[in-house]
Amino acid sequence: MDRRDVIADAGIRVVARDGVHALTHRRVDIEARLPAGSTSYYARTRRDLVALVAVRLSDGSAGDIDQLAIPDMLGPAEAASILGEVVRSMAARGDAQAARFLLMLEVRDDPELRDVLTPAAAVRGRVTALAVRLLEALGIPQADRAAQASQLVVLVDALLMYDTSHAEPVDLEGT
């Protein structure tokens, strides 16, 4: 693991544990057990540090769904089960998901950084492709799939947020 990854991972832990405002160069140096100033060398500004963490979050989440197999034909219950598996898989990285949701609010007025955490995130394309395959297996006409897949990804993100934040129990099996 290179130094940027160590810094980004420490930043994720700081945000998840202490909140976005705790994300400072000094706190990340301490969390990563690096000499003072190390984080500043790789991320000159706070925005650079947020970007470093955001990219790491996006890259890390991408592998969460690669192992899922989608049959050629599905019923609604099987599709719901697969979506539940996606949410559980991604929720297993609780600190990363908590940090991502907190950072999404922090960067909402910065389109470039916001996109790294949402539509342009490495994982977003994979989850969207999975949603398209699910809709295809459910027999949804091709003309409707792209728009519905996008909304399905938003729904998965909402379920993930509720599961990660423990805001309300998420019943992934009964829905």
C-alpha atoms as a PDB file:
ATOM      1  CA  MET A   1       0.000   0.000   0.000  1.00  0.00           C
ATOM      2  CA  ASP A   2       1.478   3.340  -0.977  1.00  0.00           C
ATOM      3  CA  ARG A   3       1.591   6.420   1.229  1.00  0.00           C
ATOM      4  CA  ARG A   4      -1.435   8.054  -0.467  1.00  0.00           C
ATOM      5  CA  ASP A   5      -3.564   5.012   0.364  1.00  0.00           C
ATOM      6  CA  VAL A   6      -2.365   5.051   3.972  1.00  0.00           C
ATOM      7  CA  ILE A   7      -3.287   8.737   4.232  1.00  0.00           C
ATOM      8  CA  ALA A   8      -6.663   8.241   2.551  1.00  0.00           C
ATOM      9  CA  ASP A   9      -7.517   5.257   4.756  1.00  0.00           C
ATOM     10  CA  ALA A  10      -6.599   7.270   7.848  1.00  0.00           C
ATOM     11  CA  GLY A  11      -8.789  10.107   6.560  1.00  0.00           C
ATOM     12  CA  ILE A  12     -11.696   7.688   6.134  1.00  0.00           C
ATOM     13  CA  ARG A  13     -11.315   6.523   9.735  1.00  0.00           C
ATOM     14  CA  VAL A  14     -11.129  10.103  11.032  1.00  0.00           C
ATOM     15  CA  VAL A  15     -14.277  11.152   9.153  1.00  0.00           C
ATOM     16  CA  ALA A  16     -16.216   8.023  10.117  1.00  0.00           C
ATOM     17  CA  ARG A  17     -15.285   8.302  13.784  1.00  0.00           C
ATOM     18  CA  ASP A  18     -15.074  12.065  14.382  1.00  0.00           C
ATOM     19  CA  GLY A  19     -16.928  13.755  11.505  1.00  0.00           C
ATOM     20  CA  VAL A  20     -15.952  15.752   8.454  1.00  0.00           C
ATOM     21  CA  HIS A  21     -14.722  18.785  10.375  1.00  0.00           C
ATOM     22  CA  ALA A  22     -12.125  16.603  12.084  1.00  0.00           C
ATOM     23  CA  LEU A  23     -10.520  15.880   8.715  1.00  0.00           C
ATOM     24  CA  THR A  24      -7.345  17.908   9.009  1.00  0.00           C
ATOM     25  CA  HIS A  25      -3.821  17.254   7.865  1.00  0.00           C
ATOM     26  CA  ARG A  26      -2.601  17.031  11.451  1.00  0.00           C
ATOM     27  CA  ARG A  27      -5.334  14.577  12.519  1.00  0.00           C
ATOM     28  CA  VAL A  28      -4.644  12.365   9.509  1.00  0.00           C
ATOM     29  CA  ASP A  29      -0.905  12.369  10.243  1.00  0.00           C
ATOM     30  CA  ILE A  30      -1.655  11.267  13.804  1.00  0.00           C
ATOM     31  CA  GLU A  31      -4.209   8.639  12.725  1.00  0.00           C
ATOM     32  CA  ALA A  32      -1.841   7.225  10.105  1.00  0.00           C
ATOM     33  CA  ARG A  33       1.107   7.374  12.537  1.00  0.00           C
ATOM     34  CA  LEU A  34       3.096   9.424  10.063  1.00  0.00           C
ATOM     35  CA  PRO A  35       5.551  12.232  10.759  1.00  0.00           C
ATOM     36  CA  ALA A  36       3.950  15.666  11.035  1.00  0.00           C
ATOM     37  CA  GLY A  37       3.570  17.243   7.607  1.00  0.00           C
ATOM     38  CA  SER A  38       3.356  13.967   5.696  1.00  0.00           C
ATOM     39  CA  THR A  39      -0.272  14.466   4.698  1.00  0.00           C
ATOM     40  CA  SER A  40       0.444  18.045   3.572  1.00  0.00           C
ATOM     41  CA  TYR A  41       3.084  16.730   1.190  1.00  0.00           C
ATOM     42  CA  TYR A  42       0.484  14.607  -0.656  1.00  0.00           C
ATOM     43  CA  ALA A  43      -2.525  16.886  -0.214  1.00  0.00           C
ATOM     44  CA  ARG A  44      -1.561  20.555  -0.046  1.00  0.00           C
ATOM     45  CA  THR A  45      -5.020  21.917   0.768  1.00  0.00           C
ATOM     46  CA  ARG A  46      -7.986  20.606   2.705  1.00  0.00           C
ATOM     47  CA  ARG A  47      -9.850  20.239  -0.594  1.00  0.00           C
ATOM     48  CA  ASP A  48      -6.979  18.091  -1.896  1.00  0.00           C
ATOM     49  CA  LEU A  49      -7.272  15.961   1.237  1.00  0.00           C
ATOM     50  CA  VAL A  50     -11.037  15.581   0.777  1.00  0.00           C
ATOM     51  CA  ALA A  51     -10.421  14.625  -2.872  1.00  0.00           C
ATOM     52  CA  LEU A  52      -7.819  12.026  -1.865  1.00  0.00           C
ATOM     53  CA  VAL A  53     -10.250  10.458   0.593  1.00  0.00           C
ATOM     54  CA  ALA A  54     -13.151  10.639  -1.893  1.00  0.00           C
ATOM     55  CA  VAL A  55     -11.209   8.855  -4.626  1.00  0.00           C
ATOM     56  CA  ARG A  56     -10.112   6.154  -2.182  1.00  0.00           C
ATOM     57  CA  LEU A  57     -13.713   5.637  -1.073  1.00  0.00           C
ATOM     58  CA  SER A  58     -14.873   5.301  -4.649  1.00  0.00           C
ATOM     59  CA  ASP A  59     -12.127   2.874  -5.619  1.00  0.00           C
ATOM     60  CA  GLY A  60     -12.572   0.770  -2.484  1.00  0.00           C
ATOM     61  CA  SER A  61     -16.299   0.292  -2.931  1.00  0.00           C
ATOM     62  CA  ALA A  62     -15.971  -0.891  -6.519  1.00  0.00           C
ATOM     63  CA  GLY A  63     -14.878  -4.396  -5.555  1.00  0.00           C
ATOM     64  CA  ASP A  64     -17.841  -4.941  -3.234  1.00  0.00           C
ATOM     65  CA  ILE A  65     -20.153  -6.235  -5.945  1.00  0.00           C
ATOM     66  CA  ASP A  66     -17.864  -7.888  -8.474  1.00  0.00           C
ATOM     67  CA  GLN A  67     -18.605 -11.412  -7.247  1.00  0.00           C
ATOM     68  CA  LEU A  68     -22.386 -11.274  -7.724  1.00  0.00           C
ATOM     69  CA  ALA A  69     -23.841 -13.545 -10.386  1.00  0.00           C
ATOM     70  CA  ILE A  70     -27.118 -12.561 -12.016  1.00  0.00           C
ATOM     71  CA  PRO A  71     -29.190 -15.396 -13.544  1.00  0.00           C
ATOM     72  CA  ASP A  72     -30.736 -14.831 -16.978  1.00  0.00           C
ATOM     73  CA  MET A  73     -34.251 -14.821 -15.512  1.00  0.00           C
ATOM     74  CA  LEU A  74     -35.383 -13.579 -12.117  1.00  0.00           C
ATOM     75  CA  GLY A  75     -38.559 -13.086 -10.186  1.00  0.00           C
ATOM     76  CA  PRO A  76     -39.093 -10.055  -7.936  1.00  0.00           C
ATOM     77  CA  ALA A  77     -38.168 -11.963  -4.752  1.00  0.00           C
ATOM     78  CA  GLU A  78     -34.860 -13.154  -6.234  1.00  0.00           C
ATOM     79  CA  ALA A  79     -34.049  -9.652  -7.488  1.00  0.00           C
ATOM     80  CA  ALA A  80     -34.783  -8.223  -4.033  1.00  0.00           C
ATOM     81  CA  SER A  81     -32.511 -10.858  -2.506  1.00  0.00           C
ATOM     82  CA  ILE A  82     -29.673  -9.878  -4.835  1.00  0.00           C
ATOM     83  CA  LEU A  83     -30.170  -6.197  -4.011  1.00  0.00           C
ATOM     84  CA  GLY A  84     -30.098  -7.106  -0.331  1.00  0.00           C
ATOM     85  CA  GLU A  85     -26.801  -8.892  -0.918  1.00  0.00           C
ATOM     86  CA  VAL A  86     -25.417  -5.757  -2.600  1.00  0.00           C
ATOM     87  CA  VAL A  87     -26.433  -3.599   0.358  1.00  0.00           C
ATOM     88  CA  ARG A  88     -25.015  -6.074   2.898  1.00  0.00           C
ATOM     89  CA  SER A  89     -21.761  -6.385   0.981  1.00  0.00           C
ATOM     90  CA  MET A  90     -21.275  -2.646   0.761  1.00  0.00           C
ATOM     91  CA  ALA A  91     -22.475  -2.048   4.347  1.00  0.00           C
ATOM     92  CA  ALA A  92     -19.783  -4.424   5.620  1.00  0.00           C
ATOM     93  CA  ARG A  93     -17.369  -1.558   5.030  1.00  0.00           C
ATOM     94  CA  GLY A  94     -19.235   0.573   7.563  1.00  0.00           C
ATOM     95  CA  ASP A  95     -16.548   3.198   8.157  1.00  0.00           C
ATOM     96  CA  ALA A  96     -16.101   3.734   4.443  1.00  0.00           C
ATOM     97  CA  GLN A  97     -19.834   4.105   3.865  1.00  0.00           C
ATOM     98  CA  ALA A  98     -20.251   6.445   6.844  1.00  0.00           C
ATOM     99  CA  ALA A  99     -17.370   8.586   5.594  1.00  0.00           C
ATOM    100  CA  ARG A 100     -18.810   8.639   2.069  1.00  0.00           C
ATOM    101  CA  PHE A 101     -22.225   9.816   3.223  1.00  0.00           C
ATOM    102  CA  LEU A 102     -20.740  12.477   5.494  1.00  0.00           C
ATOM    103  CA  LEU A 103     -18.472  13.711   2.707  1.00  0.00           C
ATOM    104  CA  MET A 104     -21.366  13.783   0.225  1.00  0.00           C
ATOM    105  CA  LEU A 105     -22.983  16.477   2.352  1.00  0.00           C
ATOM    106  CA  GLU A 106     -19.699  18.323   2.806  1.00  0.00           C
ATOM    107  CA  VAL A 107     -19.041  18.589  -0.947  1.00  0.00           C
ATOM    108  CA  ARG A 108     -22.595  19.122  -2.186  1.00  0.00           C
ATOM    109  CA  ASP A 109     -21.649  22.566  -3.550  1.00  0.00           C
ATOM    110  CA  ASP A 110     -18.475  21.305  -5.221  1.00  0.00           C
ATOM    111  CA  PRO A 111     -19.637  19.475  -8.378  1.00  0.00           C
ATOM    112  CA  GLU A 112     -16.247  17.937  -9.094  1.00  0.00           C
ATOM    113  CA  LEU A 113     -15.832  16.350  -5.666  1.00  0.00           C
ATOM    114  CA  ARG A 114     -19.525  15.492  -5.395  1.00  0.00           C
ATOM    115  CA  ASP A 115     -19.313  13.575  -8.652  1.00  0.00           C
ATOM    116  CA  VAL A 116     -16.358  11.541  -7.360  1.00  0.00           C
ATOM    117  CA  LEU A 117     -18.640  10.286  -4.574  1.00  0.00           C
ATOM    118  CA  THR A 118     -21.800   9.822  -6.657  1.00  0.00           C
ATOM    119  CA  PRO A 119     -22.284   9.579 -10.446  1.00  0.00           C
ATOM    120  CA  ALA A 120     -18.601   9.501 -11.402  1.00  0.00           C
ATOM    121  CA  ALA A 121     -17.625   7.099  -8.623  1.00  0.00           C
ATOM    122  CA  ALA A 122     -15.953   3.919  -9.843  1.00  0.00           C
ATOM    123  CA  VAL A 123     -18.556   1.849  -8.038  1.00  0.00           C
ATOM    124  CA  ARG A 124     -21.499   3.743  -9.544  1.00  0.00           C
ATOM    125  CA  GLY A 125     -20.955   2.286 -13.014  1.00  0.00           C
ATOM    126  CA  ARG A 126     -20.716  -1.225 -11.606  1.00  0.00           C
ATOM    127  CA  VAL A 127     -23.845  -0.876  -9.490  1.00  0.00           C
ATOM    128  CA  THR A 128     -25.701   0.641 -12.459  1.00  0.00           C
ATOM    129  CA  ALA A 129     -24.578  -2.229 -14.706  1.00  0.00           C
ATOM    130  CA  LEU A 130     -25.778  -4.676 -12.047  1.00  0.00           C
ATOM    131  CA  ALA A 131     -29.126  -2.858 -11.895  1.00  0.00           C
ATOM    132  CA  VAL A 132     -29.456  -3.046 -15.690  1.00  0.00           C
ATOM    133  CA  ARG A 133     -28.750  -6.803 -15.575  1.00  0.00           C
ATOM    134  CA  LEU A 134     -31.323  -7.244 -12.807  1.00  0.00           C
ATOM    135  CA  LEU A 135     -33.946  -5.336 -14.763  1.00  0.00           C
ATOM    136  CA  GLU A 136     -33.147  -7.345 -17.884  1.00  0.00           C
ATOM    137  CA  ALA A 137     -33.523 -10.604 -15.921  1.00  0.00           C
ATOM    138  CA  LEU A 138     -36.851  -9.313 -14.621  1.00  0.00           C
ATOM    139  CA  GLY A 139     -38.024  -8.786 -18.198  1.00  0.00           C
ATOM    140  CA  ILE A 140     -38.106  -4.972 -18.142  1.00  0.00           C
ATOM    141  CA  PRO A 141     -38.080  -3.615 -21.714  1.00  0.00           C
ATOM    142  CA  GLN A 142     -34.718  -2.269 -22.850  1.00  0.00           C
ATOM    143  CA  ALA A 143     -36.122   1.208 -23.522  1.00  0.00           C
ATOM    144  CA  ASP A 144     -36.995   1.614 -19.824  1.00  0.00           C
ATOM    145  CA  ARG A 145     -33.889   0.057 -18.283  1.00  0.00           C
ATOM    146  CA  ALA A 146     -31.424   2.957 -18.174  1.00  0.00           C
ATOM    147  CA  ALA A 147     -33.704   5.356 -16.309  1.00  0.00           C
ATOM    148  CA  GLN A 148     -35.005   2.650 -13.986  1.00  0.00           C
ATOM    149  CA  ALA A 149     -31.492   1.351 -13.306  1.00  0.00           C
ATOM    150  CA  SER A 150     -30.409   4.835 -12.266  1.00  0.00           C
ATOM    151  CA  GLN A 151     -33.320   5.083  -9.831  1.00  0.00           C
ATOM    152  CA  LEU A 152     -32.630   1.590  -8.522  1.00  0.00           C
ATOM    153  CA  VAL A 153     -29.061   2.667  -7.711  1.00  0.00           C
ATOM    154  CA  VAL A 154     -30.448   5.664  -5.789  1.00  0.00           C
ATOM    155  CA  LEU A 155     -32.685   3.268  -3.858  1.00  0.00           C
ATOM    156  CA  VAL A 156     -29.731   0.984  -3.053  1.00  0.00           C
ATOM    157  CA  ASP A 157     -27.790   4.024  -1.836  1.00  0.00           C
ATOM    158  CA  ALA A 158     -30.699   5.048   0.410  1.00  0.00           C
ATOM    159  CA  LEU A 159     -30.942   1.534   1.858  1.00  0.00           C
ATOM    160  CA  LEU A 160     -27.205   1.560   2.390  1.00  0.00           C
ATOM    161  CA  MET A 161     -27.365   4.920   4.160  1.00  0.00           C
ATOM    162  CA  TYR A 162     -30.112   3.730   6.490  1.00  0.00           C
ATOM    163  CA  ASP A 163     -28.291   0.475   7.186  1.00  0.00           C
ATOM    164  CA  THR A 164     -24.946   2.201   7.770  1.00  0.00           C
ATOM    165  CA  SER A 165     -26.351   4.942   9.995  1.00  0.00           C
ATOM    166  CA  HIS A 166     -28.602   2.581  11.964  1.00  0.00           C
ATOM    167  CA  ALA A 167     -31.306   5.235  11.437  1.00  0.00           C
ATOM    168  CA  GLU A 168     -33.977   2.604  11.096  1.00  0.00           C
ATOM    169  CA  PRO A 169     -33.787  -1.171  10.757  1.00  0.00           C
ATOM    170  CA  VAL A 170     -33.549  -2.179   7.110  1.00  0.00           C
ATOM    171  CA  ASP A 171     -35.346  -5.449   6.376  1.00  0.00           C
ATOM    172  CA  LEU A 172     -33.414  -6.741   3.389  1.00  0.00           C
ATOM    173  CA  GLU A 173     -35.060 -10.140   3.461  1.00  0.00           C
ATOM    174  CA  GLY A 174     -38.737  -9.296   3.886  1.00  0.00           C
ATOM    175  CA  THR A 175     -39.026  -6.722   1.101  1.00  0.00           C
END
